[in-house]
Amino acid sequence: MFIAMNRFKVLIGAENKFEDVWRNRKSTLDEVEGFMDFKMLQGAENRDEGYRLYVSHSHWASQQAFISWTKSENFREAHRNAGGHKPLYAGPPKFEGFTVIEGI
């Protein structure tokens, strides 16, 4: 299994707009081979730096399944308007990928 995560630093005051973008997007992940699960997580507010942390968290059958998705039309469609939301962020998202070595 492979876990893909993107960390978003969302500007304080833009949280509702950010959450609306994610709730109202058209997702086709459930049509993608190897996709297992998706969660958007809300983290702590960092008042000193002016953002709240969010993390997108998706489970894939394998790293190759995730990579295949990133090269697909589904991926291009899902990210087509991503640049229009830059005013919500304190910098670009940070990707982190992990291969599961043990689970319960």
PDB file of N, CA and C in Angstrom:
ATOM      1  N   MET A   1       0.845  -1.171   0.000  1.00  0.00           N
ATOM      2  CA  MET A   1       0.000   0.000   0.000  1.00  0.00           C
ATOM      3  C   MET A   1       0.893   1.237   0.000  1.00  0.00           C
ATOM      4  N   PHE A   2       0.354   2.319  -0.570  1.00  0.00           N
ATOM      5  CA  PHE A   2       1.068   3.597  -0.647  1.00  0.00           C
ATOM      6  C   PHE A   2       0.146   4.694  -0.130  1.00  0.00           C
ATOM      7  N   ILE A   3       0.688   5.600   0.679  1.00  0.00           N
ATOM      8  CA  ILE A   3      -0.078   6.739   1.192  1.00  0.00           C
ATOM      9  C   ILE A   3       0.521   8.007   0.609  1.00  0.00           C
ATOM     10  N   ALA A   4      -0.333   8.802  -0.023  1.00  0.00           N
ATOM     11  CA  ALA A   4       0.081  10.079  -0.612  1.00  0.00           C
ATOM     12  C   ALA A   4      -0.555  11.203   0.189  1.00  0.00           C
ATOM     13  N   MET A   5       0.278  12.178   0.567  1.00  0.00           N
ATOM     14  CA  MET A   5      -0.216  13.293   1.365  1.00  0.00           C
ATOM     15  C   MET A   5       0.281  14.610   0.785  1.00  0.00           C
ATOM     16  N   ASN A   6      -0.586  15.597   0.791  1.00  0.00           N
ATOM     17  CA  ASN A   6      -0.201  16.966   0.455  1.00  0.00           C
ATOM     18  C   ASN A   6      -0.535  17.843   1.647  1.00  0.00           C
ATOM     19  N   ARG A   7       0.439  18.623   2.092  1.00  0.00           N
ATOM     20  CA  ARG A   7       0.234  19.549   3.209  1.00  0.00           C
ATOM     21  C   ARG A   7      -0.043  20.935   2.634  1.00  0.00           C
ATOM     22  N   PHE A   8      -1.139  21.529   3.085  1.00  0.00           N
ATOM     23  CA  PHE A   8      -1.544  22.857   2.638  1.00  0.00           C
ATOM     24  C   PHE A   8      -1.508  23.806   3.824  1.00  0.00           C
ATOM     25  N   LYS A   9      -0.818  24.924   3.683  1.00  0.00           N
ATOM     26  CA  LYS A   9      -0.837  25.980   4.688  1.00  0.00           C
ATOM     27  C   LYS A   9      -1.859  27.006   4.207  1.00  0.00           C
ATOM     28  N   VAL A  10      -3.045  26.960   4.805  1.00  0.00           N
ATOM     29  CA  VAL A  10      -4.160  27.810   4.396  1.00  0.00           C
ATOM     30  C   VAL A  10      -4.182  29.052   5.276  1.00  0.00           C
ATOM     31  N   LEU A  11      -4.223  30.195   4.634  1.00  0.00           N
ATOM     32  CA  LEU A  11      -4.212  31.455   5.365  1.00  0.00           C
ATOM     33  C   LEU A  11      -5.381  31.535   6.341  1.00  0.00           C
ATOM     34  N   ILE A  12      -5.113  32.027   7.530  1.00  0.00           N
ATOM     35  CA  ILE A  12      -6.176  32.216   8.519  1.00  0.00           C
ATOM     36  C   ILE A  12      -7.218  33.157   7.917  1.00  0.00           C
ATOM     37  N   GLY A  13      -8.462  32.742   8.005  1.00  0.00           N
ATOM     38  CA  GLY A  13      -9.565  33.494   7.414  1.00  0.00           C
ATOM     39  C   GLY A  13     -10.013  32.920   6.079  1.00  0.00           C
ATOM     40  N   ALA A  14      -9.174  32.071   5.457  1.00  0.00           N
ATOM     41  CA  ALA A  14      -9.520  31.461   4.170  1.00  0.00           C
ATOM     42  C   ALA A  14      -9.938  29.994   4.330  1.00  0.00           C
ATOM     43  N   GLU A  15     -10.054  29.535   5.560  1.00  0.00           N
ATOM     44  CA  GLU A  15     -10.361  28.123   5.801  1.00  0.00           C
ATOM     45  C   GLU A  15     -11.688  27.695   5.183  1.00  0.00           C
ATOM     46  N   ASN A  16     -12.745  28.485   5.369  1.00  0.00           N
ATOM     47  CA  ASN A  16     -14.057  28.107   4.835  1.00  0.00           C
ATOM     48  C   ASN A  16     -14.033  28.007   3.317  1.00  0.00           C
ATOM     49  N   LYS A  17     -13.378  28.952   2.656  1.00  0.00           N
ATOM     50  CA  LYS A  17     -13.270  28.923   1.194  1.00  0.00           C
ATOM     51  C   LYS A  17     -12.495  27.685   0.752  1.00  0.00           C
ATOM     52  N   PHE A  18     -11.374  27.396   1.408  1.00  0.00           N
ATOM     53  CA  PHE A  18     -10.581  26.206   1.099  1.00  0.00           C
ATOM     54  C   PHE A  18     -11.426  24.944   1.249  1.00  0.00           C
ATOM     55  N   GLU A  19     -12.133  24.827   2.356  1.00  0.00           N
ATOM     56  CA  GLU A  19     -12.969  23.655   2.595  1.00  0.00           C
ATOM     57  C   GLU A  19     -14.079  23.551   1.555  1.00  0.00           C
ATOM     58  N   ASP A  20     -14.665  24.680   1.167  1.00  0.00           N
ATOM     59  CA  ASP A  20     -15.698  24.673   0.125  1.00  0.00           C
ATOM     60  C   ASP A  20     -15.148  24.176  -1.205  1.00  0.00           C
ATOM     61  N   VAL A  21     -13.937  24.598  -1.548  1.00  0.00           N
ATOM     62  CA  VAL A  21     -13.305  24.137  -2.788  1.00  0.00           C
ATOM     63  C   VAL A  21     -13.216  22.613  -2.784  1.00  0.00           C
ATOM     64  N   TRP A  22     -12.791  22.037  -1.688  1.00  0.00           N
ATOM     65  CA  TRP A  22     -12.631  20.586  -1.619  1.00  0.00           C
ATOM     66  C   TRP A  22     -13.971  19.870  -1.572  1.00  0.00           C
ATOM     67  N   ARG A  23     -14.922  20.415  -0.828  1.00  0.00           N
ATOM     68  CA  ARG A  23     -16.237  19.755  -0.723  1.00  0.00           C
ATOM     69  C   ARG A  23     -17.008  19.787  -2.040  1.00  0.00           C
ATOM     70  N   ASN A  24     -16.815  20.833  -2.824  1.00  0.00           N
ATOM     71  CA  ASN A  24     -17.606  21.023  -4.041  1.00  0.00           C
ATOM     72  C   ASN A  24     -16.896  20.614  -5.321  1.00  0.00           C
ATOM     73  N   ARG A  25     -15.705  20.038  -5.206  1.00  0.00           N
ATOM     74  CA  ARG A  25     -14.988  19.622  -6.410  1.00  0.00           C
ATOM     75  C   ARG A  25     -15.615  18.349  -6.977  1.00  0.00           C
ATOM     76  N   LYS A  26     -15.425  18.164  -8.274  1.00  0.00           N
ATOM     77  CA  LYS A  26     -15.863  16.925  -8.912  1.00  0.00           C
ATOM     78  C   LYS A  26     -14.708  15.948  -8.819  1.00  0.00           C
ATOM     79  N   SER A  27     -14.890  14.877  -8.081  1.00  0.00           N
ATOM     80  CA  SER A  27     -13.835  13.881  -7.917  1.00  0.00           C
ATOM     81  C   SER A  27     -14.186  12.619  -8.697  1.00  0.00           C
ATOM     82  N   THR A  28     -13.195  12.085  -9.358  1.00  0.00           N
ATOM     83  CA  THR A  28     -13.357  10.812 -10.061  1.00  0.00           C
ATOM     84  C   THR A  28     -12.395   9.766  -9.496  1.00  0.00           C
ATOM     85  N   LEU A  29     -11.872  10.021  -8.303  1.00  0.00           N
ATOM     86  CA  LEU A  29     -10.919   9.090  -7.703  1.00  0.00           C
ATOM     87  C   LEU A  29     -11.488   7.680  -7.600  1.00  0.00           C
ATOM     88  N   ASP A  30     -12.768   7.573  -7.296  1.00  0.00           N
ATOM     89  CA  ASP A  30     -13.357   6.244  -7.136  1.00  0.00           C
ATOM     90  C   ASP A  30     -13.384   5.450  -8.443  1.00  0.00           C
ATOM     91  N   GLU A  31     -13.073   6.099  -9.569  1.00  0.00           N
ATOM     92  CA  GLU A  31     -13.004   5.430 -10.869  1.00  0.00           C
ATOM     93  C   GLU A  31     -11.582   4.975 -11.204  1.00  0.00           C
ATOM     94  N   VAL A  32     -10.612   5.368 -10.403  1.00  0.00           N
ATOM     95  CA  VAL A  32      -9.206   5.127 -10.704  1.00  0.00           C
ATOM     96  C   VAL A  32      -8.747   3.787 -10.133  1.00  0.00           C
ATOM     97  N   GLU A  33      -8.137   2.973 -10.985  1.00  0.00           N
ATOM     98  CA  GLU A  33      -7.634   1.675 -10.541  1.00  0.00           C
ATOM     99  C   GLU A  33      -6.559   1.858  -9.472  1.00  0.00           C
ATOM    100  N   GLY A  34      -6.705   1.134  -8.391  1.00  0.00           N
ATOM    101  CA  GLY A  34      -5.731   1.178  -7.310  1.00  0.00           C
ATOM    102  C   GLY A  34      -6.046   2.178  -6.217  1.00  0.00           C
ATOM    103  N   PHE A  35      -7.028   3.070  -6.451  1.00  0.00           N
ATOM    104  CA  PHE A  35      -7.411   4.034  -5.409  1.00  0.00           C
ATOM    105  C   PHE A  35      -8.195   3.310  -4.334  1.00  0.00           C
ATOM    106  N   MET A  36      -7.916   3.642  -3.070  1.00  0.00           N
ATOM    107  CA  MET A  36      -8.584   2.984  -1.956  1.00  0.00           C
ATOM    108  C   MET A  36      -9.394   3.936  -1.085  1.00  0.00           C
ATOM    109  N   ASP A  37      -8.831   5.115  -0.753  1.00  0.00           N
ATOM    110  CA  ASP A  37      -9.490   5.964   0.238  1.00  0.00           C
ATOM    111  C   ASP A  37      -8.915   7.374   0.170  1.00  0.00           C
ATOM    112  N   PHE A  38      -9.733   8.364   0.500  1.00  0.00           N
ATOM    113  CA  PHE A  38      -9.280   9.754   0.565  1.00  0.00           C
ATOM    114  C   PHE A  38      -9.872  10.414   1.798  1.00  0.00           C
ATOM    115  N   LYS A  39      -9.059  11.228   2.465  1.00  0.00           N
ATOM    116  CA  LYS A  39      -9.511  12.063   3.583  1.00  0.00           C
ATOM    117  C   LYS A  39      -8.822  13.412   3.474  1.00  0.00           C
ATOM    118  N   MET A  40      -9.555  14.482   3.798  1.00  0.00           N
ATOM    119  CA  MET A  40      -8.963  15.806   3.958  1.00  0.00           C
ATOM    120  C   MET A  40      -8.957  16.068   5.454  1.00  0.00           C
ATOM    121  N   LEU A  41      -7.781  16.324   5.995  1.00  0.00           N
ATOM    122  CA  LEU A  41      -7.607  16.508   7.430  1.00  0.00           C
ATOM    123  C   LEU A  41      -7.345  17.971   7.762  1.00  0.00           C
ATOM    124  N   GLN A  42      -7.988  18.447   8.816  1.00  0.00           N
ATOM    125  CA  GLN A  42      -7.749  19.808   9.294  1.00  0.00           C
ATOM    126  C   GLN A  42      -6.824  19.725  10.499  1.00  0.00           C
ATOM    127  N   GLY A  43      -5.747  20.481  10.458  1.00  0.00           N
ATOM    128  CA  GLY A  43      -4.778  20.467  11.542  1.00  0.00           C
ATOM    129  C   GLY A  43      -4.826  21.731  12.378  1.00  0.00           C
ATOM    130  N   ALA A  44      -3.735  21.965  13.040  1.00  0.00           N
ATOM    131  CA  ALA A  44      -3.629  23.070  13.980  1.00  0.00           C
ATOM    132  C   ALA A  44      -3.481  24.414  13.271  1.00  0.00           C
ATOM    133  N   GLU A  45      -3.912  25.430  13.972  1.00  0.00           N
ATOM    134  CA  GLU A  45      -3.725  26.807  13.509  1.00  0.00           C
ATOM    135  C   GLU A  45      -2.371  27.292  14.019  1.00  0.00           C
ATOM    136  N   ASN A  46      -1.610  27.918  13.140  1.00  0.00           N
ATOM    137  CA  ASN A  46      -0.332  28.501  13.521  1.00  0.00           C
ATOM    138  C   ASN A  46      -0.491  30.021  13.420  1.00  0.00           C
ATOM    139  N   ARG A  47      -0.939  30.640  14.502  1.00  0.00           N
ATOM    140  CA  ARG A  47      -1.202  32.091  14.503  1.00  0.00           C
ATOM    141  C   ARG A  47       0.055  32.901  14.226  1.00  0.00           C
ATOM    142  N   ASP A  48       1.193  32.448  14.733  1.00  0.00           N
ATOM    143  CA  ASP A  48       2.443  33.189  14.530  1.00  0.00           C
ATOM    144  C   ASP A  48       2.790  33.327  13.055  1.00  0.00           C
ATOM    145  N   GLU A  49       2.499  32.289  12.267  1.00  0.00           N
ATOM    146  CA  GLU A  49       2.832  32.322  10.841  1.00  0.00           C
ATOM    147  C   GLU A  49       1.619  32.564   9.955  1.00  0.00           C
ATOM    148  N   GLY A  50       0.419  32.660  10.562  1.00  0.00           N
ATOM    149  CA  GLY A  50      -0.769  33.080   9.830  1.00  0.00           C
ATOM    150  C   GLY A  50      -1.445  32.032   8.974  1.00  0.00           C
ATOM    151  N   TYR A  51      -1.356  30.757   9.369  1.00  0.00           N
ATOM    152  CA  TYR A  51      -2.017  29.723   8.575  1.00  0.00           C
ATOM    153  C   TYR A  51      -2.557  28.612   9.467  1.00  0.00           C
ATOM    154  N   ARG A  52      -3.462  27.819   8.866  1.00  0.00           N
ATOM    155  CA  ARG A  52      -3.941  26.568   9.463  1.00  0.00           C
ATOM    156  C   ARG A  52      -3.492  25.453   8.534  1.00  0.00           C
ATOM    157  N   LEU A  53      -3.005  24.369   9.107  1.00  0.00           N
ATOM    158  CA  LEU A  53      -2.526  23.239   8.327  1.00  0.00           C
ATOM    159  C   LEU A  53      -3.687  22.327   7.936  1.00  0.00           C
ATOM    160  N   TYR A  54      -3.715  21.914   6.670  1.00  0.00           N
ATOM    161  CA  TYR A  54      -4.615  20.883   6.158  1.00  0.00           C
ATOM    162  C   TYR A  54      -3.749  19.851   5.451  1.00  0.00           C
ATOM    163  N   VAL A  55      -4.206  18.595   5.465  1.00  0.00           N
ATOM    164  CA  VAL A  55      -3.478  17.537   4.777  1.00  0.00           C
ATOM    165  C   VAL A  55      -4.458  16.669   4.008  1.00  0.00           C
ATOM    166  N   SER A  56      -4.223  16.534   2.695  1.00  0.00           N
ATOM    167  CA  SER A  56      -4.978  15.542   1.919  1.00  0.00           C
ATOM    168  C   SER A  56      -4.250  14.217   2.092  1.00  0.00           C
ATOM    169  N   HIS A  57      -5.015  13.166   2.296  1.00  0.00           N
ATOM    170  CA  HIS A  57      -4.446  11.873   2.680  1.00  0.00           C
ATOM    171  C   HIS A  57      -5.156  10.806   1.852  1.00  0.00           C
ATOM    172  N   SER A  58      -4.433  10.172   0.930  1.00  0.00           N
ATOM    173  CA  SER A  58      -5.065   9.142   0.098  1.00  0.00           C
ATOM    174  C   SER A  58      -4.286   7.836   0.186  1.00  0.00           C
ATOM    175  N   HIS A  59      -5.040   6.739   0.157  1.00  0.00           N
ATOM    176  CA  HIS A  59      -4.462   5.393   0.187  1.00  0.00           C
ATOM    177  C   HIS A  59      -4.585   4.784  -1.198  1.00  0.00           C
ATOM    178  N   TRP A  60      -3.510   4.136  -1.620  1.00  0.00           N
ATOM    179  CA  TRP A  60      -3.441   3.501  -2.942  1.00  0.00           C
ATOM    180  C   TRP A  60      -2.971   2.069  -2.784  1.00  0.00           C
ATOM    181  N   ALA A  61      -3.365   1.209  -3.692  1.00  0.00           N
ATOM    182  CA  ALA A  61      -2.947  -0.190  -3.649  1.00  0.00           C
ATOM    183  C   ALA A  61      -1.431  -0.311  -3.769  1.00  0.00           C
ATOM    184  N   SER A  62      -0.822   0.618  -4.501  1.00  0.00           N
ATOM    185  CA  SER A  62       0.629   0.597  -4.692  1.00  0.00           C
ATOM    186  C   SER A  62       1.108   1.990  -5.095  1.00  0.00           C
ATOM    187  N   GLN A  63       2.407   2.204  -4.999  1.00  0.00           N
ATOM    188  CA  GLN A  63       2.978   3.463  -5.462  1.00  0.00           C
ATOM    189  C   GLN A  63       2.766   3.612  -6.967  1.00  0.00           C
ATOM    190  N   GLN A  64       2.854   2.509  -7.699  1.00  0.00           N
ATOM    191  CA  GLN A  64       2.652   2.570  -9.152  1.00  0.00           C
ATOM    192  C   GLN A  64       1.234   3.002  -9.500  1.00  0.00           C
ATOM    193  N   ALA A  65       0.232   2.550  -8.729  1.00  0.00           N
ATOM    194  CA  ALA A  65      -1.150   2.978  -8.961  1.00  0.00           C
ATOM    195  C   ALA A  65      -1.266   4.488  -8.790  1.00  0.00           C
ATOM    196  N   PHE A  66      -0.613   5.030  -7.760  1.00  0.00           N
ATOM    197  CA  PHE A  66      -0.621   6.475  -7.536  1.00  0.00           C
ATOM    198  C   PHE A  66       0.068   7.203  -8.689  1.00  0.00           C
ATOM    199  N   ILE A  67       1.232   6.732  -9.090  1.00  0.00           N
ATOM    200  CA  ILE A  67       1.970   7.367 -10.185  1.00  0.00           C
ATOM    201  C   ILE A  67       1.150   7.336 -11.470  1.00  0.00           C
ATOM    202  N   SER A  68       0.500   6.218 -11.733  1.00  0.00           N
ATOM    203  CA  SER A  68      -0.341   6.120 -12.938  1.00  0.00           C
ATOM    204  C   SER A  68      -1.451   7.160 -12.898  1.00  0.00           C
ATOM    205  N   TRP A  69      -2.049   7.351 -11.722  1.00  0.00           N
ATOM    206  CA  TRP A  69      -3.093   8.368 -11.611  1.00  0.00           C
ATOM    207  C   TRP A  69      -2.539   9.755 -11.924  1.00  0.00           C
ATOM    208  N   THR A  70      -1.326  10.065 -11.441  1.00  0.00           N
ATOM    209  CA  THR A  70      -0.757  11.399 -11.664  1.00  0.00           C
ATOM    210  C   THR A  70      -0.475  11.666 -13.140  1.00  0.00           C
ATOM    211  N   LYS A  71      -0.464  10.630 -13.949  1.00  0.00           N
ATOM    212  CA  LYS A  71      -0.229  10.781 -15.385  1.00  0.00           C
ATOM    213  C   LYS A  71      -1.507  10.656 -16.199  1.00  0.00           C
ATOM    214  N   SER A  72      -2.660  10.596 -15.518  1.00  0.00           N
ATOM    215  CA  SER A  72      -3.938  10.332 -16.181  1.00  0.00           C
ATOM    216  C   SER A  72      -4.719  11.611 -16.489  1.00  0.00           C
ATOM    217  N   GLU A  73      -5.703  11.466 -17.352  1.00  0.00           N
ATOM    218  CA  GLU A  73      -6.626  12.563 -17.648  1.00  0.00           C
ATOM    219  C   GLU A  73      -7.438  12.912 -16.399  1.00  0.00           C
ATOM    220  N   ASN A  74      -7.767  11.921 -15.571  1.00  0.00           N
ATOM    221  CA  ASN A  74      -8.494  12.180 -14.318  1.00  0.00           C
ATOM    222  C   ASN A  74      -7.709  13.161 -13.447  1.00  0.00           C
ATOM    223  N   PHE A  75      -6.394  12.974 -13.359  1.00  0.00           N
ATOM    224  CA  PHE A  75      -5.542  13.857 -12.574  1.00  0.00           C
ATOM    225  C   PHE A  75      -5.535  15.263 -13.172  1.00  0.00           C
ATOM    226  N   ARG A  76      -5.349  15.359 -14.485  1.00  0.00           N
ATOM    227  CA  ARG A  76      -5.325  16.678 -15.139  1.00  0.00           C
ATOM    228  C   ARG A  76      -6.640  17.412 -14.921  1.00  0.00           C
ATOM    229  N   GLU A  77      -7.747  16.702 -15.037  1.00  0.00           N
ATOM    230  CA  GLU A  77      -9.057  17.320 -14.828  1.00  0.00           C
ATOM    231  C   GLU A  77      -9.222  17.780 -13.377  1.00  0.00           C
ATOM    232  N   ALA A  78      -8.792  16.961 -12.428  1.00  0.00           N
ATOM    233  CA  ALA A  78      -8.933  17.296 -11.000  1.00  0.00           C
ATOM    234  C   ALA A  78      -8.103  18.518 -10.612  1.00  0.00           C
ATOM    235  N   HIS A  79      -7.012  18.784 -11.321  1.00  0.00           N
ATOM    236  CA  HIS A  79      -6.109  19.870 -10.972  1.00  0.00           C
ATOM    237  C   HIS A  79      -6.143  21.034 -11.954  1.00  0.00           C
ATOM    238  N   ARG A  80      -7.089  20.998 -12.876  1.00  0.00           N
ATOM    239  CA  ARG A  80      -7.171  22.002 -13.934  1.00  0.00           C
ATOM    240  C   ARG A  80      -7.235  23.437 -13.404  1.00  0.00           C
ATOM    241  N   ASN A  81      -7.984  23.678 -12.358  1.00  0.00           N
ATOM    242  CA  ASN A  81      -8.174  25.047 -11.851  1.00  0.00           C
ATOM    243  C   ASN A  81      -7.416  25.316 -10.552  1.00  0.00           C
ATOM    244  N   ALA A  82      -6.469  24.471 -10.217  1.00  0.00           N
ATOM    245  CA  ALA A  82      -5.762  24.602  -8.934  1.00  0.00           C
ATOM    246  C   ALA A  82      -5.055  25.945  -8.793  1.00  0.00           C
ATOM    247  N   GLY A  83      -4.520  26.482  -9.855  1.00  0.00           N
ATOM    248  CA  GLY A  83      -3.801  27.753  -9.791  1.00  0.00           C
ATOM    249  C   GLY A  83      -4.675  28.924  -9.385  1.00  0.00           C
ATOM    250  N   GLY A  84      -5.967  28.814  -9.602  1.00  0.00           N
ATOM    251  CA  GLY A  84      -6.888  29.891  -9.249  1.00  0.00           C
ATOM    252  C   GLY A  84      -7.128  30.036  -7.760  1.00  0.00           C
ATOM    253  N   HIS A  85      -6.631  29.102  -6.983  1.00  0.00           N
ATOM    254  CA  HIS A  85      -6.853  29.129  -5.537  1.00  0.00           C
ATOM    255  C   HIS A  85      -5.619  29.575  -4.756  1.00  0.00           C
ATOM    256  N   LYS A  86      -4.583  30.041  -5.444  1.00  0.00           N
ATOM    257  CA  LYS A  86      -3.337  30.454  -4.773  1.00  0.00           C
ATOM    258  C   LYS A  86      -3.547  31.480  -3.668  1.00  0.00           C
ATOM    259  N   PRO A  87      -4.517  32.408  -3.803  1.00  0.00           N
ATOM    260  CA  PRO A  87      -4.697  33.396  -2.720  1.00  0.00           C
ATOM    261  C   PRO A  87      -5.096  32.782  -1.372  1.00  0.00           C
ATOM    262  N   LEU A  88      -5.459  31.511  -1.357  1.00  0.00           N
ATOM    263  CA  LEU A  88      -5.852  30.856  -0.111  1.00  0.00           C
ATOM    264  C   LEU A  88      -4.654  30.348   0.693  1.00  0.00           C
ATOM    265  N   TYR A  89      -3.484  30.273   0.057  1.00  0.00           N
ATOM    266  CA  TYR A  89      -2.352  29.556   0.628  1.00  0.00           C
ATOM    267  C   TYR A  89      -1.191  30.454   1.058  1.00  0.00           C
ATOM    268  N   ALA A  90      -0.478  29.971   2.078  1.00  0.00           N
ATOM    269  CA  ALA A  90       0.791  30.579   2.490  1.00  0.00           C
ATOM    270  C   ALA A  90       1.900  29.706   1.904  1.00  0.00           C
ATOM    271  N   GLY A  91       2.032  29.724   0.588  1.00  0.00           N
ATOM    272  CA  GLY A  91       3.028  28.906  -0.100  1.00  0.00           C
ATOM    273  C   GLY A  91       2.397  27.707  -0.784  1.00  0.00           C
ATOM    274  N   PRO A  92       3.189  27.011  -1.587  1.00  0.00           N
ATOM    275  CA  PRO A  92       2.669  25.861  -2.333  1.00  0.00           C
ATOM    276  C   PRO A  92       2.453  24.646  -1.433  1.00  0.00           C
ATOM    277  N   PRO A  93       1.588  23.705  -1.858  1.00  0.00           N
ATOM    278  CA  PRO A  93       1.425  22.481  -1.082  1.00  0.00           C
ATOM    279  C   PRO A  93       2.732  21.683  -1.076  1.00  0.00           C
ATOM    280  N   LYS A  94       2.902  20.875  -0.051  1.00  0.00           N
ATOM    281  CA  LYS A  94       4.099  20.041   0.069  1.00  0.00           C
ATOM    282  C   LYS A  94       3.675  18.577   0.012  1.00  0.00           C
ATOM    283  N   PHE A  95       4.162  17.856  -0.999  1.00  0.00           N
ATOM    284  CA  PHE A  95       3.831  16.443  -1.172  1.00  0.00           C
ATOM    285  C   PHE A  95       4.746  15.561  -0.327  1.00  0.00           C
ATOM    286  N   GLU A  96       4.149  14.505   0.230  1.00  0.00           N
ATOM    287  CA  GLU A  96       4.895  13.469   0.929  1.00  0.00           C
ATOM    288  C   GLU A  96       4.266  12.132   0.572  1.00  0.00           C
ATOM    289  N   GLY A  97       5.083  11.161   0.174  1.00  0.00           N
ATOM    290  CA  GLY A  97       4.590   9.833  -0.165  1.00  0.00           C
ATOM    291  C   GLY A  97       5.246   8.782   0.708  1.00  0.00           C
ATOM    292  N   PHE A  98       4.469   7.760   1.096  1.00  0.00           N
ATOM    293  CA  PHE A  98       4.968   6.747   2.009  1.00  0.00           C
ATOM    294  C   PHE A  98       4.528   5.355   1.564  1.00  0.00           C
ATOM    295  N   THR A  99       5.451   4.417   1.560  1.00  0.00           N
ATOM    296  CA  THR A  99       5.128   3.018   1.348  1.00  0.00           C
ATOM    297  C   THR A  99       4.842   2.399   2.709  1.00  0.00           C
ATOM    298  N   VAL A 100       3.713   1.728   2.818  1.00  0.00           N
ATOM    299  CA  VAL A 100       3.333   1.092   4.084  1.00  0.00           C
ATOM    300  C   VAL A 100       4.184  -0.153   4.270  1.00  0.00           C
ATOM    301  N   ILE A 101       4.859  -0.229   5.410  1.00  0.00           N
ATOM    302  CA  ILE A 101       5.675  -1.411   5.697  1.00  0.00           C
ATOM    303  C   ILE A 101       5.051  -2.290   6.770  1.00  0.00           C
ATOM    304  N   GLU A 102       4.077  -1.755   7.504  1.00  0.00           N
ATOM    305  CA  GLU A 102       3.355  -2.557   8.492  1.00  0.00           C
ATOM    306  C   GLU A 102       2.012  -1.905   8.767  1.00  0.00           C
ATOM    307  N   GLY A 103       1.019  -2.691   9.004  1.00  0.00           N
ATOM    308  CA  GLY A 103      -0.309  -2.177   9.345  1.00  0.00           C
ATOM    309  C   GLY A 103      -1.039  -3.154  10.241  1.00  0.00           C
ATOM    310  N   ILE A 104      -1.997  -2.640  10.974  1.00  0.00           N
ATOM    311  CA  ILE A 104      -2.817  -3.485  11.858  1.00  0.00           C
ATOM    312  C   ILE A 104      -4.262  -3.317  11.455  1.00  0.00           C
TER     313      ILE A 104
END
